[in-house]
Amino acid sequence: VQLQASGGGLVQAGGSLRLSCAASGRTFSRYAMGWFRQAPGKERESVAAISWSGGNTYYLDSVKGRFTISRANAKNTGYLQMNSLKPEDTAVYYCAAKYTYSSGNVYFAAHDYDYWGQGTLVTVSS
């Protein structure tokens, strides 16, 4: 499966952005999905993840209550709604997918994922 992330940009602190991850090549509905980010000089970290059924999710503590991960399997697209953005959210955001037989599993380790999008830059100004 090929992934294309989009929706990044420059936003002021307190603002919102919605990232999209469009999948092509295979049926997206059997892939668990995750969003990761990497800020300059820092390691890549898991931000949010969702099972392929959409029923289970995971969030990094620092984004809980501000970010929402979702997916529209019929559209082969995943989303990350980001509200109340902070300067420390500035990073390149990547979407990733993992084929799994389990409808309820979520994965938050980068090494769990098989496919990656190219990244989209989110810059939050103070």
PDB file of N, CA and C in Angstrom:
ATOM      1  N   VAL A   1       0.843  -1.177   0.000  1.00  0.00           N
ATOM      2  CA  VAL A   1       0.000   0.000   0.000  1.00  0.00           C
ATOM      3  C   VAL A   1       0.890   1.244   0.000  1.00  0.00           C
ATOM      4  N   GLN A   2       0.463   2.255  -0.744  1.00  0.00           N
ATOM      5  CA  GLN A   2       1.191   3.524  -0.771  1.00  0.00           C
ATOM      6  C   GLN A   2       0.394   4.548   0.038  1.00  0.00           C
ATOM      7  N   LEU A   3       1.117   5.350   0.799  1.00  0.00           N
ATOM      8  CA  LEU A   3       0.492   6.343   1.659  1.00  0.00           C
ATOM      9  C   LEU A   3       0.928   7.743   1.275  1.00  0.00           C
ATOM     10  N   GLN A   4      -0.013   8.659   1.276  1.00  0.00           N
ATOM     11  CA  GLN A   4       0.258  10.059   0.954  1.00  0.00           C
ATOM     12  C   GLN A   4      -0.320  10.922   2.057  1.00  0.00           C
ATOM     13  N   ALA A   5       0.559  11.545   2.833  1.00  0.00           N
ATOM     14  CA  ALA A   5       0.123  12.425   3.911  1.00  0.00           C
ATOM     15  C   ALA A   5       0.004  13.852   3.401  1.00  0.00           C
ATOM     16  N   SER A   6      -0.974  14.567   3.901  1.00  0.00           N
ATOM     17  CA  SER A   6      -1.163  15.963   3.508  1.00  0.00           C
ATOM     18  C   SER A   6      -1.865  16.716   4.631  1.00  0.00           C
ATOM     19  N   GLY A   7      -1.919  18.040   4.480  1.00  0.00           N
ATOM     20  CA  GLY A   7      -2.660  18.853   5.435  1.00  0.00           C
ATOM     21  C   GLY A   7      -1.812  19.663   6.384  1.00  0.00           C
ATOM     22  N   GLY A   8      -0.502  19.483   6.322  1.00  0.00           N
ATOM     23  CA  GLY A   8       0.354  20.266   7.193  1.00  0.00           C
ATOM     24  C   GLY A   8       0.395  21.720   6.766  1.00  0.00           C
ATOM     25  N   GLY A   9       1.003  22.535   7.609  1.00  0.00           N
ATOM     26  CA  GLY A   9       1.117  23.953   7.299  1.00  0.00           C
ATOM     27  C   GLY A   9       1.548  24.745   8.502  1.00  0.00           C
ATOM     28  N   LEU A  10       1.454  26.050   8.364  1.00  0.00           N
ATOM     29  CA  LEU A  10       1.816  26.979   9.434  1.00  0.00           C
ATOM     30  C   LEU A  10       0.543  27.462  10.122  1.00  0.00           C
ATOM     31  N   VAL A  11       0.531  27.362  11.432  1.00  0.00           N
ATOM     32  CA  VAL A  11      -0.651  27.771  12.190  1.00  0.00           C
ATOM     33  C   VAL A  11      -0.191  28.418  13.492  1.00  0.00           C
ATOM     34  N   GLN A  12      -0.982  29.335  13.987  1.00  0.00           N
ATOM     35  CA  GLN A  12      -0.657  29.966  15.265  1.00  0.00           C
ATOM     36  C   GLN A  12      -1.029  29.049  16.423  1.00  0.00           C
ATOM     37  N   ALA A  13      -0.370  29.247  17.537  1.00  0.00           N
ATOM     38  CA  ALA A  13      -0.702  28.474  18.730  1.00  0.00           C
ATOM     39  C   ALA A  13      -2.182  28.632  19.056  1.00  0.00           C
ATOM     40  N   GLY A  14      -2.805  27.521  19.396  1.00  0.00           N
ATOM     41  CA  GLY A  14      -4.232  27.515  19.664  1.00  0.00           C
ATOM     42  C   GLY A  14      -5.073  27.160  18.457  1.00  0.00           C
ATOM     43  N   GLY A  15      -4.443  27.134  17.296  1.00  0.00           N
ATOM     44  CA  GLY A  15      -5.160  26.831  16.075  1.00  0.00           C
ATOM     45  C   GLY A  15      -5.328  25.346  15.843  1.00  0.00           C
ATOM     46  N   SER A  16      -5.890  25.023  14.687  1.00  0.00           N
ATOM     47  CA  SER A  16      -6.201  23.639  14.345  1.00  0.00           C
ATOM     48  C   SER A  16      -5.721  23.299  12.939  1.00  0.00           C
ATOM     49  N   LEU A  17      -5.433  22.039  12.755  1.00  0.00           N
ATOM     50  CA  LEU A  17      -5.126  21.488  11.439  1.00  0.00           C
ATOM     51  C   LEU A  17      -5.699  20.081  11.376  1.00  0.00           C
ATOM     52  N   ARG A  18      -6.034  19.635  10.173  1.00  0.00           N
ATOM     53  CA  ARG A  18      -6.426  18.245   9.990  1.00  0.00           C
ATOM     54  C   ARG A  18      -5.509  17.611   8.951  1.00  0.00           C
ATOM     55  N   LEU A  19      -4.798  16.608   9.381  1.00  0.00           N
ATOM     56  CA  LEU A  19      -3.934  15.860   8.480  1.00  0.00           C
ATOM     57  C   LEU A  19      -4.726  14.705   7.875  1.00  0.00           C
ATOM     58  N   SER A  20      -4.404  14.417   6.635  1.00  0.00           N
ATOM     59  CA  SER A  20      -5.023  13.293   5.950  1.00  0.00           C
ATOM     60  C   SER A  20      -3.945  12.325   5.477  1.00  0.00           C
ATOM     61  N   CYS A  21      -4.297  11.065   5.417  1.00  0.00           N
ATOM     62  CA  CYS A  21      -3.393  10.030   4.919  1.00  0.00           C
ATOM     63  C   CYS A  21      -4.176   9.196   3.923  1.00  0.00           C
ATOM     64  N   ALA A  22      -3.913   9.412   2.651  1.00  0.00           N
ATOM     65  CA  ALA A  22      -4.616   8.691   1.595  1.00  0.00           C
ATOM     66  C   ALA A  22      -3.831   7.440   1.222  1.00  0.00           C
ATOM     67  N   ALA A  23      -4.525   6.317   1.220  1.00  0.00           N
ATOM     68  CA  ALA A  23      -3.894   5.037   0.904  1.00  0.00           C
ATOM     69  C   ALA A  23      -4.323   4.567  -0.475  1.00  0.00           C
ATOM     70  N   SER A  24      -3.403   3.969  -1.174  1.00  0.00           N
ATOM     71  CA  SER A  24      -3.726   3.425  -2.487  1.00  0.00           C
ATOM     72  C   SER A  24      -2.972   2.117  -2.676  1.00  0.00           C
ATOM     73  N   GLY A  25      -3.458   1.321  -3.560  1.00  0.00           N
ATOM     74  CA  GLY A  25      -2.778   0.087  -3.895  1.00  0.00           C
ATOM     75  C   GLY A  25      -3.444  -1.151  -3.332  1.00  0.00           C
ATOM     76  N   ARG A  26      -3.977  -1.032  -2.136  1.00  0.00           N
ATOM     77  CA  ARG A  26      -4.634  -2.189  -1.529  1.00  0.00           C
ATOM     78  C   ARG A  26      -5.792  -1.685  -0.678  1.00  0.00           C
ATOM     79  N   THR A  27      -6.638  -2.605  -0.271  1.00  0.00           N
ATOM     80  CA  THR A  27      -7.763  -2.242   0.582  1.00  0.00           C
ATOM     81  C   THR A  27      -7.254  -1.788   1.936  1.00  0.00           C
ATOM     82  N   PHE A  28      -7.576  -0.566   2.254  1.00  0.00           N
ATOM     83  CA  PHE A  28      -7.063   0.057   3.466  1.00  0.00           C
ATOM     84  C   PHE A  28      -7.674  -0.536   4.718  1.00  0.00           C
ATOM     85  N   SER A  29      -8.828  -1.145   4.590  1.00  0.00           N
ATOM     86  CA  SER A  29      -9.582  -1.540   5.771  1.00  0.00           C
ATOM     87  C   SER A  29      -8.918  -2.657   6.573  1.00  0.00           C
ATOM     88  N   ARG A  30      -7.913  -3.322   6.026  1.00  0.00           N
ATOM     89  CA  ARG A  30      -7.228  -4.359   6.801  1.00  0.00           C
ATOM     90  C   ARG A  30      -5.904  -3.860   7.374  1.00  0.00           C
ATOM     91  N   TYR A  31      -5.725  -2.559   7.379  1.00  0.00           N
ATOM     92  CA  TYR A  31      -4.483  -1.982   7.870  1.00  0.00           C
ATOM     93  C   TYR A  31      -4.743  -1.132   9.110  1.00  0.00           C
ATOM     94  N   ALA A  32      -4.053  -1.467  10.185  1.00  0.00           N
ATOM     95  CA  ALA A  32      -4.012  -0.549  11.315  1.00  0.00           C
ATOM     96  C   ALA A  32      -3.183   0.657  10.899  1.00  0.00           C
ATOM     97  N   MET A  33      -3.467   1.789  11.491  1.00  0.00           N
ATOM     98  CA  MET A  33      -2.806   3.018  11.079  1.00  0.00           C
ATOM     99  C   MET A  33      -2.270   3.792  12.269  1.00  0.00           C
ATOM    100  N   GLY A  34      -1.199   4.519  12.021  1.00  0.00           N
ATOM    101  CA  GLY A  34      -0.654   5.353  13.072  1.00  0.00           C
ATOM    102  C   GLY A  34      -0.124   6.659  12.513  1.00  0.00           C
ATOM    103  N   TRP A  35      -0.025   7.630  13.384  1.00  0.00           N
ATOM    104  CA  TRP A  35       0.605   8.905  13.063  1.00  0.00           C
ATOM    105  C   TRP A  35       1.816   9.066  13.974  1.00  0.00           C
ATOM    106  N   PHE A  36       2.911   9.454  13.395  1.00  0.00           N
ATOM    107  CA  PHE A  36       4.148   9.706  14.120  1.00  0.00           C
ATOM    108  C   PHE A  36       4.608  11.128  13.801  1.00  0.00           C
ATOM    109  N   ARG A  37       5.501  11.631  14.614  1.00  0.00           N
ATOM    110  CA  ARG A  37       6.095  12.932  14.319  1.00  0.00           C
ATOM    111  C   ARG A  37       7.561  12.933  14.707  1.00  0.00           C
ATOM    112  N   GLN A  38       8.283  13.792  14.032  1.00  0.00           N
ATOM    113  CA  GLN A  38       9.703  13.940  14.347  1.00  0.00           C
ATOM    114  C   GLN A  38      10.062  15.408  14.265  1.00  0.00           C
ATOM    115  N   ALA A  39      10.463  15.944  15.400  1.00  0.00           N
ATOM    116  CA  ALA A  39      10.912  17.325  15.479  1.00  0.00           C
ATOM    117  C   ALA A  39      12.423  17.371  15.248  1.00  0.00           C
ATOM    118  N   PRO A  40      12.956  18.517  14.827  1.00  0.00           N
ATOM    119  CA  PRO A  40      14.396  18.619  14.582  1.00  0.00           C
ATOM    120  C   PRO A  40      15.206  18.227  15.805  1.00  0.00           C
ATOM    121  N   GLY A  41      16.157  17.339  15.605  1.00  0.00           N
ATOM    122  CA  GLY A  41      17.028  16.929  16.690  1.00  0.00           C
ATOM    123  C   GLY A  41      16.418  15.942  17.665  1.00  0.00           C
ATOM    124  N   LYS A  42      15.210  15.484  17.361  1.00  0.00           N
ATOM    125  CA  LYS A  42      14.540  14.546  18.264  1.00  0.00           C
ATOM    126  C   LYS A  42      14.214  13.249  17.539  1.00  0.00           C
ATOM    127  N   GLU A  43      13.950  12.223  18.339  1.00  0.00           N
ATOM    128  CA  GLU A  43      13.571  10.947  17.755  1.00  0.00           C
ATOM    129  C   GLU A  43      12.110  10.964  17.312  1.00  0.00           C
ATOM    130  N   ARG A  44      11.808  10.084  16.381  1.00  0.00           N
ATOM    131  CA  ARG A  44      10.432   9.945  15.944  1.00  0.00           C
ATOM    132  C   ARG A  44       9.598   9.375  17.085  1.00  0.00           C
ATOM    133  N   GLU A  45       8.421   9.940  17.289  1.00  0.00           N
ATOM    134  CA  GLU A  45       7.555   9.447  18.350  1.00  0.00           C
ATOM    135  C   GLU A  45       6.156   9.175  17.827  1.00  0.00           C
ATOM    136  N   SER A  46       5.517   8.209  18.462  1.00  0.00           N
ATOM    137  CA  SER A  46       4.151   7.874  18.103  1.00  0.00           C
ATOM    138  C   SER A  46       3.200   8.896  18.708  1.00  0.00           C
ATOM    139  N   VAL A  47       2.315   9.419  17.886  1.00  0.00           N
ATOM    140  CA  VAL A  47       1.360  10.429  18.330  1.00  0.00           C
ATOM    141  C   VAL A  47      -0.010   9.816  18.574  1.00  0.00           C
ATOM    142  N   ALA A  48      -0.434   8.995  17.642  1.00  0.00           N
ATOM    143  CA  ALA A  48      -1.757   8.383  17.756  1.00  0.00           C
ATOM    144  C   ALA A  48      -1.811   7.150  16.861  1.00  0.00           C
ATOM    145  N   ALA A  49      -2.689   6.234  17.207  1.00  0.00           N
ATOM    146  CA  ALA A  49      -2.848   5.021  16.404  1.00  0.00           C
ATOM    147  C   ALA A  49      -4.297   4.562  16.479  1.00  0.00           C
ATOM    148  N   ILE A  50      -4.706   3.831  15.450  1.00  0.00           N
ATOM    149  CA  ILE A  50      -6.089   3.366  15.386  1.00  0.00           C
ATOM    150  C   ILE A  50      -6.126   1.981  14.760  1.00  0.00           C
ATOM    151  N   SER A  51      -6.992   1.140  15.278  1.00  0.00           N
ATOM    152  CA  SER A  51      -7.162  -0.199  14.716  1.00  0.00           C
ATOM    153  C   SER A  51      -7.873  -0.120  13.370  1.00  0.00           C
ATOM    154  N   TRP A  52      -7.849  -1.221  12.609  1.00  0.00           N
ATOM    155  CA  TRP A  52      -8.470  -1.092  11.298  1.00  0.00           C
ATOM    156  C   TRP A  52      -9.986  -1.047  11.393  1.00  0.00           C
ATOM    157  N   SER A  53     -10.526  -1.525  12.496  1.00  0.00           N
ATOM    158  CA  SER A  53     -11.966  -1.391  12.695  1.00  0.00           C
ATOM    159  C   SER A  53     -12.348   0.021  13.124  1.00  0.00           C
ATOM    160  N   GLY A  54     -11.368   0.769  13.607  1.00  0.00           N
ATOM    161  CA  GLY A  54     -11.643   2.104  14.127  1.00  0.00           C
ATOM    162  C   GLY A  54     -12.105   2.108  15.569  1.00  0.00           C
ATOM    163  N   GLY A  55     -12.247   0.916  16.147  1.00  0.00           N
ATOM    164  CA  GLY A  55     -12.806   0.834  17.482  1.00  0.00           C
ATOM    165  C   GLY A  55     -11.843   1.092  18.611  1.00  0.00           C
ATOM    166  N   ASN A  56     -10.560   0.951  18.349  1.00  0.00           N
ATOM    167  CA  ASN A  56      -9.540   1.169  19.383  1.00  0.00           C
ATOM    168  C   ASN A  56      -8.548   2.220  18.932  1.00  0.00           C
ATOM    169  N   THR A  57      -8.157   3.050  19.881  1.00  0.00           N
ATOM    170  CA  THR A  57      -7.206   4.111  19.578  1.00  0.00           C
ATOM    171  C   THR A  57      -6.166   4.223  20.683  1.00  0.00           C
ATOM    172  N   TYR A  58      -5.081   4.886  20.334  1.00  0.00           N
ATOM    173  CA  TYR A  58      -3.998   5.172  21.283  1.00  0.00           C
ATOM    174  C   TYR A  58      -3.559   6.612  21.035  1.00  0.00           C
ATOM    175  N   TYR A  59      -3.216   7.312  22.147  1.00  0.00           N
ATOM    176  CA  TYR A  59      -2.706   8.673  22.031  1.00  0.00           C
ATOM    177  C   TYR A  59      -1.506   8.874  22.936  1.00  0.00           C
ATOM    178  N   LEU A  60      -0.561   9.627  22.441  1.00  0.00           N
ATOM    179  CA  LEU A  60       0.536  10.124  23.260  1.00  0.00           C
ATOM    180  C   LEU A  60      -0.070  11.013  24.350  1.00  0.00           C
ATOM    181  N   ASP A  61       0.443  10.899  25.556  1.00  0.00           N
ATOM    182  CA  ASP A  61      -0.152  11.642  26.665  1.00  0.00           C
ATOM    183  C   ASP A  61      -0.259  13.142  26.392  1.00  0.00           C
ATOM    184  N   SER A  62       0.753  13.684  25.764  1.00  0.00           N
ATOM    185  CA  SER A  62       0.782  15.142  25.580  1.00  0.00           C
ATOM    186  C   SER A  62      -0.238  15.638  24.554  1.00  0.00           C
ATOM    187  N   VAL A  63      -0.865  14.734  23.805  1.00  0.00           N
ATOM    188  CA  VAL A  63      -1.852  15.173  22.809  1.00  0.00           C
ATOM    189  C   VAL A  63      -3.270  14.743  23.169  1.00  0.00           C
ATOM    190  N   LYS A  64      -3.402  13.981  24.230  1.00  0.00           N
ATOM    191  CA  LYS A  64      -4.740  13.534  24.642  1.00  0.00           C
ATOM    192  C   LYS A  64      -5.645  14.728  24.901  1.00  0.00           C
ATOM    193  N   GLY A  65      -6.857  14.644  24.389  1.00  0.00           N
ATOM    194  CA  GLY A  65      -7.813  15.729  24.547  1.00  0.00           C
ATOM    195  C   GLY A  65      -7.674  16.829  23.510  1.00  0.00           C
ATOM    196  N   ARG A  66      -6.589  16.805  22.736  1.00  0.00           N
ATOM    197  CA  ARG A  66      -6.374  17.817  21.703  1.00  0.00           C
ATOM    198  C   ARG A  66      -6.403  17.211  20.300  1.00  0.00           C
ATOM    199  N   PHE A  67      -5.888  16.011  20.149  1.00  0.00           N
ATOM    200  CA  PHE A  67      -5.820  15.342  18.852  1.00  0.00           C
ATOM    201  C   PHE A  67      -6.838  14.212  18.798  1.00  0.00           C
ATOM    202  N   THR A  68      -7.366  13.986  17.608  1.00  0.00           N
ATOM    203  CA  THR A  68      -8.284  12.877  17.392  1.00  0.00           C
ATOM    204  C   THR A  68      -7.914  12.145  16.116  1.00  0.00           C
ATOM    205  N   ILE A  69      -7.688  10.857  16.241  1.00  0.00           N
ATOM    206  CA  ILE A  69      -7.396  10.034  15.077  1.00  0.00           C
ATOM    207  C   ILE A  69      -8.690   9.362  14.625  1.00  0.00           C
ATOM    208  N   SER A  70      -8.857   9.262  13.319  1.00  0.00           N
ATOM    209  CA  SER A  70     -10.051   8.612  12.774  1.00  0.00           C
ATOM    210  C   SER A  70      -9.706   8.056  11.402  1.00  0.00           C
ATOM    211  N   ARG A  71     -10.662   7.347  10.840  1.00  0.00           N
ATOM    212  CA  ARG A  71     -10.434   6.781   9.519  1.00  0.00           C
ATOM    213  C   ARG A  71     -11.757   6.599   8.799  1.00  0.00           C
ATOM    214  N   ALA A  72     -11.695   6.651   7.483  1.00  0.00           N
ATOM    215  CA  ALA A  72     -12.853   6.396   6.629  1.00  0.00           C
ATOM    216  C   ALA A  72     -12.419   5.308   5.650  1.00  0.00           C
ATOM    217  N   ASN A  73     -12.670   4.074   6.024  1.00  0.00           N
ATOM    218  CA  ASN A  73     -12.176   2.960   5.207  1.00  0.00           C
ATOM    219  C   ASN A  73     -12.747   2.975   3.796  1.00  0.00           C
ATOM    220  N   ALA A  74     -13.975   3.423   3.658  1.00  0.00           N
ATOM    221  CA  ALA A  74     -14.579   3.470   2.328  1.00  0.00           C
ATOM    222  C   ALA A  74     -13.851   4.460   1.421  1.00  0.00           C
ATOM    223  N   LYS A  75     -13.178   5.420   2.033  1.00  0.00           N
ATOM    224  CA  LYS A  75     -12.428   6.419   1.269  1.00  0.00           C
ATOM    225  C   LYS A  75     -10.936   6.126   1.259  1.00  0.00           C
ATOM    226  N   ASN A  76     -10.547   5.012   1.900  1.00  0.00           N
ATOM    227  CA  ASN A  76      -9.123   4.671   1.997  1.00  0.00           C
ATOM    228  C   ASN A  76      -8.288   5.809   2.579  1.00  0.00           C
ATOM    229  N   THR A  77      -8.833   6.457   3.594  1.00  0.00           N
ATOM    230  CA  THR A  77      -8.185   7.635   4.149  1.00  0.00           C
ATOM    231  C   THR A  77      -8.229   7.617   5.673  1.00  0.00           C
ATOM    232  N   GLY A  78      -7.124   8.035   6.266  1.00  0.00           N
ATOM    233  CA  GLY A  78      -7.071   8.240   7.697  1.00  0.00           C
ATOM    234  C   GLY A  78      -6.858   9.707   7.986  1.00  0.00           C
ATOM    235  N   TYR A  79      -7.194  10.106   9.212  1.00  0.00           N
ATOM    236  CA  TYR A  79      -7.128  11.524   9.568  1.00  0.00           C
ATOM    237  C   TYR A  79      -6.515  11.705  10.956  1.00  0.00           C
ATOM    238  N   LEU A  80      -5.956  12.876  11.136  1.00  0.00           N
ATOM    239  CA  LEU A  80      -5.525  13.302  12.466  1.00  0.00           C
ATOM    240  C   LEU A  80      -5.987  14.738  12.641  1.00  0.00           C
ATOM    241  N   GLN A  81      -7.017  14.916  13.431  1.00  0.00           N
ATOM    242  CA  GLN A  81      -7.512  16.254  13.737  1.00  0.00           C
ATOM    243  C   GLN A  81      -6.719  16.789  14.913  1.00  0.00           C
ATOM    244  N   MET A  82      -6.097  17.929  14.725  1.00  0.00           N
ATOM    245  CA  MET A  82      -5.247  18.506  15.759  1.00  0.00           C
ATOM    246  C   MET A  82      -5.803  19.867  16.167  1.00  0.00           C
ATOM    247  N   ASN A  83      -6.233  19.969  17.402  1.00  0.00           N
ATOM    248  CA  ASN A  83      -6.773  21.215  17.940  1.00  0.00           C
ATOM    249  C   ASN A  83      -5.865  21.749  19.048  1.00  0.00           C
ATOM    250  N   SER A  84      -6.059  22.988  19.393  1.00  0.00           N
ATOM    251  CA  SER A  84      -5.289  23.627  20.467  1.00  0.00           C
ATOM    252  C   SER A  84      -3.795  23.372  20.294  1.00  0.00           C
ATOM    253  N   LEU A  85      -3.323  23.612  19.109  1.00  0.00           N
ATOM    254  CA  LEU A  85      -1.931  23.317  18.795  1.00  0.00           C
ATOM    255  C   LEU A  85      -0.983  24.193  19.599  1.00  0.00           C
ATOM    256  N   LYS A  86       0.154  23.591  19.923  1.00  0.00           N
ATOM    257  CA  LYS A  86       1.183  24.269  20.710  1.00  0.00           C
ATOM    258  C   LYS A  86       2.484  24.296  19.909  1.00  0.00           C
ATOM    259  N   PRO A  87       3.359  25.241  20.210  1.00  0.00           N
ATOM    260  CA  PRO A  87       4.639  25.274  19.490  1.00  0.00           C
ATOM    261  C   PRO A  87       5.401  23.950  19.575  1.00  0.00           C
ATOM    262  N   GLU A  88       5.262  23.244  20.677  1.00  0.00           N
ATOM    263  CA  GLU A  88       5.967  21.963  20.826  1.00  0.00           C
ATOM    264  C   GLU A  88       5.381  20.855  19.945  1.00  0.00           C
ATOM    265  N   ASP A  89       4.271  21.121  19.273  1.00  0.00           N
ATOM    266  CA  ASP A  89       3.735  20.168  18.303  1.00  0.00           C
ATOM    267  C   ASP A  89       4.409  20.299  16.938  1.00  0.00           C
ATOM    268  N   THR A  90       5.254  21.300  16.793  1.00  0.00           N
ATOM    269  CA  THR A  90       5.955  21.498  15.532  1.00  0.00           C
ATOM    270  C   THR A  90       6.833  20.299  15.203  1.00  0.00           C
ATOM    271  N   ALA A  91       6.615  19.735  14.018  1.00  0.00           N
ATOM    272  CA  ALA A  91       7.349  18.537  13.610  1.00  0.00           C
ATOM    273  C   ALA A  91       6.910  18.147  12.203  1.00  0.00           C
ATOM    274  N   VAL A  92       7.636  17.202  11.637  1.00  0.00           N
ATOM    275  CA  VAL A  92       7.161  16.527  10.437  1.00  0.00           C
ATOM    276  C   VAL A  92       6.309  15.346  10.900  1.00  0.00           C
ATOM    277  N   TYR A  93       5.108  15.275  10.381  1.00  0.00           N
ATOM    278  CA  TYR A  93       4.170  14.225  10.755  1.00  0.00           C
ATOM    279  C   TYR A  93       4.100  13.179   9.646  1.00  0.00           C
ATOM    280  N   TYR A  94       4.167  11.929  10.069  1.00  0.00           N
ATOM    281  CA  TYR A  94       4.145  10.801   9.153  1.00  0.00           C
ATOM    282  C   TYR A  94       2.962   9.896   9.477  1.00  0.00           C
ATOM    283  N   CYS A  95       2.333   9.384   8.445  1.00  0.00           N
ATOM    284  CA  CYS A  95       1.353   8.329   8.676  1.00  0.00           C
ATOM    285  C   CYS A  95       1.990   6.991   8.307  1.00  0.00           C
ATOM    286  N   ALA A  96       1.506   5.943   8.935  1.00  0.00           N
ATOM    287  CA  ALA A  96       2.055   4.611   8.724  1.00  0.00           C
ATOM    288  C   ALA A  96       0.924   3.591   8.780  1.00  0.00           C
ATOM    289  N   ALA A  97       1.136   2.457   8.127  1.00  0.00           N
ATOM    290  CA  ALA A  97       0.110   1.418   8.083  1.00  0.00           C
ATOM    291  C   ALA A  97       0.725   0.045   8.272  1.00  0.00           C
ATOM    292  N   LYS A  98      -0.054  -0.807   8.909  1.00  0.00           N
ATOM    293  CA  LYS A  98       0.390  -2.185   9.144  1.00  0.00           C
ATOM    294  C   LYS A  98      -0.756  -3.129   8.830  1.00  0.00           C
ATOM    295  N   TYR A  99      -0.492  -4.098   7.966  1.00  0.00           N
ATOM    296  CA  TYR A  99      -1.504  -5.099   7.671  1.00  0.00           C
ATOM    297  C   TYR A  99      -1.658  -6.009   8.886  1.00  0.00           C
ATOM    298  N   THR A 100      -2.892  -6.235   9.298  1.00  0.00           N
ATOM    299  CA  THR A 100      -3.135  -7.100  10.443  1.00  0.00           C
ATOM    300  C   THR A 100      -4.448  -7.833  10.290  1.00  0.00           C
ATOM    301  N   TYR A 101      -4.494  -9.060  10.797  1.00  0.00           N
ATOM    302  CA  TYR A 101      -5.729  -9.832  10.779  1.00  0.00           C
ATOM    303  C   TYR A 101      -6.640  -9.447  11.931  1.00  0.00           C
ATOM    304  N   SER A 102      -6.079  -8.715  12.894  1.00  0.00           N
ATOM    305  CA  SER A 102      -6.855  -8.355  14.065  1.00  0.00           C
ATOM    306  C   SER A 102      -7.538  -7.015  13.883  1.00  0.00           C
ATOM    307  N   SER A 103      -8.841  -7.009  13.981  1.00  0.00           N
ATOM    308  CA  SER A 103      -9.582  -5.769  13.774  1.00  0.00           C
ATOM    309  C   SER A 103      -9.406  -4.775  14.908  1.00  0.00           C
ATOM    310  N   GLY A 104      -8.969  -5.273  16.076  1.00  0.00           N
ATOM    311  CA  GLY A 104      -8.928  -4.395  17.240  1.00  0.00           C
ATOM    312  C   GLY A 104      -7.560  -3.953  17.688  1.00  0.00           C
ATOM    313  N   ASN A 105      -6.512  -4.482  17.085  1.00  0.00           N
ATOM    314  CA  ASN A 105      -5.163  -4.151  17.541  1.00  0.00           C
ATOM    315  C   ASN A 105      -4.739  -2.757  17.121  1.00  0.00           C
ATOM    316  N   VAL A 106      -4.066  -2.071  18.038  1.00  0.00           N
ATOM    317  CA  VAL A 106      -3.402  -0.810  17.708  1.00  0.00           C
ATOM    318  C   VAL A 106      -1.907  -0.997  17.937  1.00  0.00           C
ATOM    319  N   TYR A 107      -1.124  -0.247  17.205  1.00  0.00           N
ATOM    320  CA  TYR A 107       0.331  -0.391  17.273  1.00  0.00           C
ATOM    321  C   TYR A 107       0.945   1.000  17.433  1.00  0.00           C
ATOM    322  N   PHE A 108       1.829   1.147  18.406  1.00  0.00           N
ATOM    323  CA  PHE A 108       2.412   2.463  18.635  1.00  0.00           C
ATOM    324  C   PHE A 108       3.921   2.482  18.530  1.00  0.00           C
ATOM    325  N   ALA A 109       4.523   1.386  18.106  1.00  0.00           N
ATOM    326  CA  ALA A 109       5.967   1.364  17.893  1.00  0.00           C
ATOM    327  C   ALA A 109       6.251   1.474  16.406  1.00  0.00           C
ATOM    328  N   ALA A 110       7.228   2.312  16.066  1.00  0.00           N
ATOM    329  CA  ALA A 110       7.536   2.527  14.661  1.00  0.00           C
ATOM    330  C   ALA A 110       7.905   1.220  13.964  1.00  0.00           C
ATOM    331  N   HIS A 111       8.609   0.337  14.646  1.00  0.00           N
ATOM    332  CA  HIS A 111       9.054  -0.894  14.009  1.00  0.00           C
ATOM    333  C   HIS A 111       7.906  -1.857  13.723  1.00  0.00           C
ATOM    334  N   ASP A 112       6.731  -1.585  14.258  1.00  0.00           N
ATOM    335  CA  ASP A 112       5.567  -2.421  13.969  1.00  0.00           C
ATOM    336  C   ASP A 112       5.005  -2.169  12.582  1.00  0.00           C
ATOM    337  N   TYR A 113       5.303  -1.000  12.020  1.00  0.00           N
ATOM    338  CA  TYR A 113       4.663  -0.590  10.777  1.00  0.00           C
ATOM    339  C   TYR A 113       5.479  -0.959   9.543  1.00  0.00           C
ATOM    340  N   ASP A 114       4.745  -1.320   8.502  1.00  0.00           N
ATOM    341  CA  ASP A 114       5.371  -1.779   7.274  1.00  0.00           C
ATOM    342  C   ASP A 114       5.421  -0.712   6.187  1.00  0.00           C
ATOM    343  N   TYR A 115       4.498   0.227   6.242  1.00  0.00           N
ATOM    344  CA  TYR A 115       4.379   1.221   5.169  1.00  0.00           C
ATOM    345  C   TYR A 115       4.329   2.611   5.773  1.00  0.00           C
ATOM    346  N   TRP A 116       4.987   3.548   5.088  1.00  0.00           N
ATOM    347  CA  TRP A 116       5.094   4.922   5.589  1.00  0.00           C
ATOM    348  C   TRP A 116       4.789   5.913   4.484  1.00  0.00           C
ATOM    349  N   GLY A 117       4.135   7.004   4.880  1.00  0.00           N
ATOM    350  CA  GLY A 117       3.959   8.122   3.981  1.00  0.00           C
ATOM    351  C   GLY A 117       5.184   9.000   4.008  1.00  0.00           C
ATOM    352  N   GLN A 118       5.180  10.041   3.196  1.00  0.00           N
ATOM    353  CA  GLN A 118       6.373  10.861   3.009  1.00  0.00           C
ATOM    354  C   GLN A 118       6.525  11.952   4.055  1.00  0.00           C
ATOM    355  N   GLY A 119       5.528  12.213   4.851  1.00  0.00           N
ATOM    356  CA  GLY A 119       5.631  13.251   5.874  1.00  0.00           C
ATOM    357  C   GLY A 119       5.054  14.578   5.416  1.00  0.00           C
ATOM    358  N   THR A 120       4.472  15.276   6.371  1.00  0.00           N
ATOM    359  CA  THR A 120       3.947  16.614   6.111  1.00  0.00           C
ATOM    360  C   THR A 120       4.337  17.507   7.290  1.00  0.00           C
ATOM    361  N   LEU A 121       4.820  18.694   6.989  1.00  0.00           N
ATOM    362  CA  LEU A 121       5.370  19.570   8.019  1.00  0.00           C
ATOM    363  C   LEU A 121       4.274  20.382   8.691  1.00  0.00           C
ATOM    364  N   VAL A 122       4.275  20.344  10.003  1.00  0.00           N
ATOM    365  CA  VAL A 122       3.386  21.171  10.817  1.00  0.00           C
ATOM    366  C   VAL A 122       4.242  22.133  11.620  1.00  0.00           C
ATOM    367  N   THR A 123       3.982  23.415  11.451  1.00  0.00           N
ATOM    368  CA  THR A 123       4.715  24.446  12.187  1.00  0.00           C
ATOM    369  C   THR A 123       3.723  25.273  12.984  1.00  0.00           C
ATOM    370  N   VAL A 124       3.917  25.323  14.286  1.00  0.00           N
ATOM    371  CA  VAL A 124       3.038  26.081  15.164  1.00  0.00           C
ATOM    372  C   VAL A 124       3.824  27.254  15.734  1.00  0.00           C
ATOM    373  N   SER A 125       3.370  28.443  15.418  1.00  0.00           N
ATOM    374  CA  SER A 125       4.059  29.643  15.886  1.00  0.00           C
ATOM    375  C   SER A 125       3.453  30.117  17.200  1.00  0.00           C
ATOM    376  N   SER A 126       4.298  30.713  18.017  1.00  0.00           N
ATOM    377  CA  SER A 126       3.835  31.185  19.335  1.00  0.00           C
ATOM    378  C   SER A 126       3.304  32.607  19.269  1.00  0.00           C
TER     379      SER A 126
END
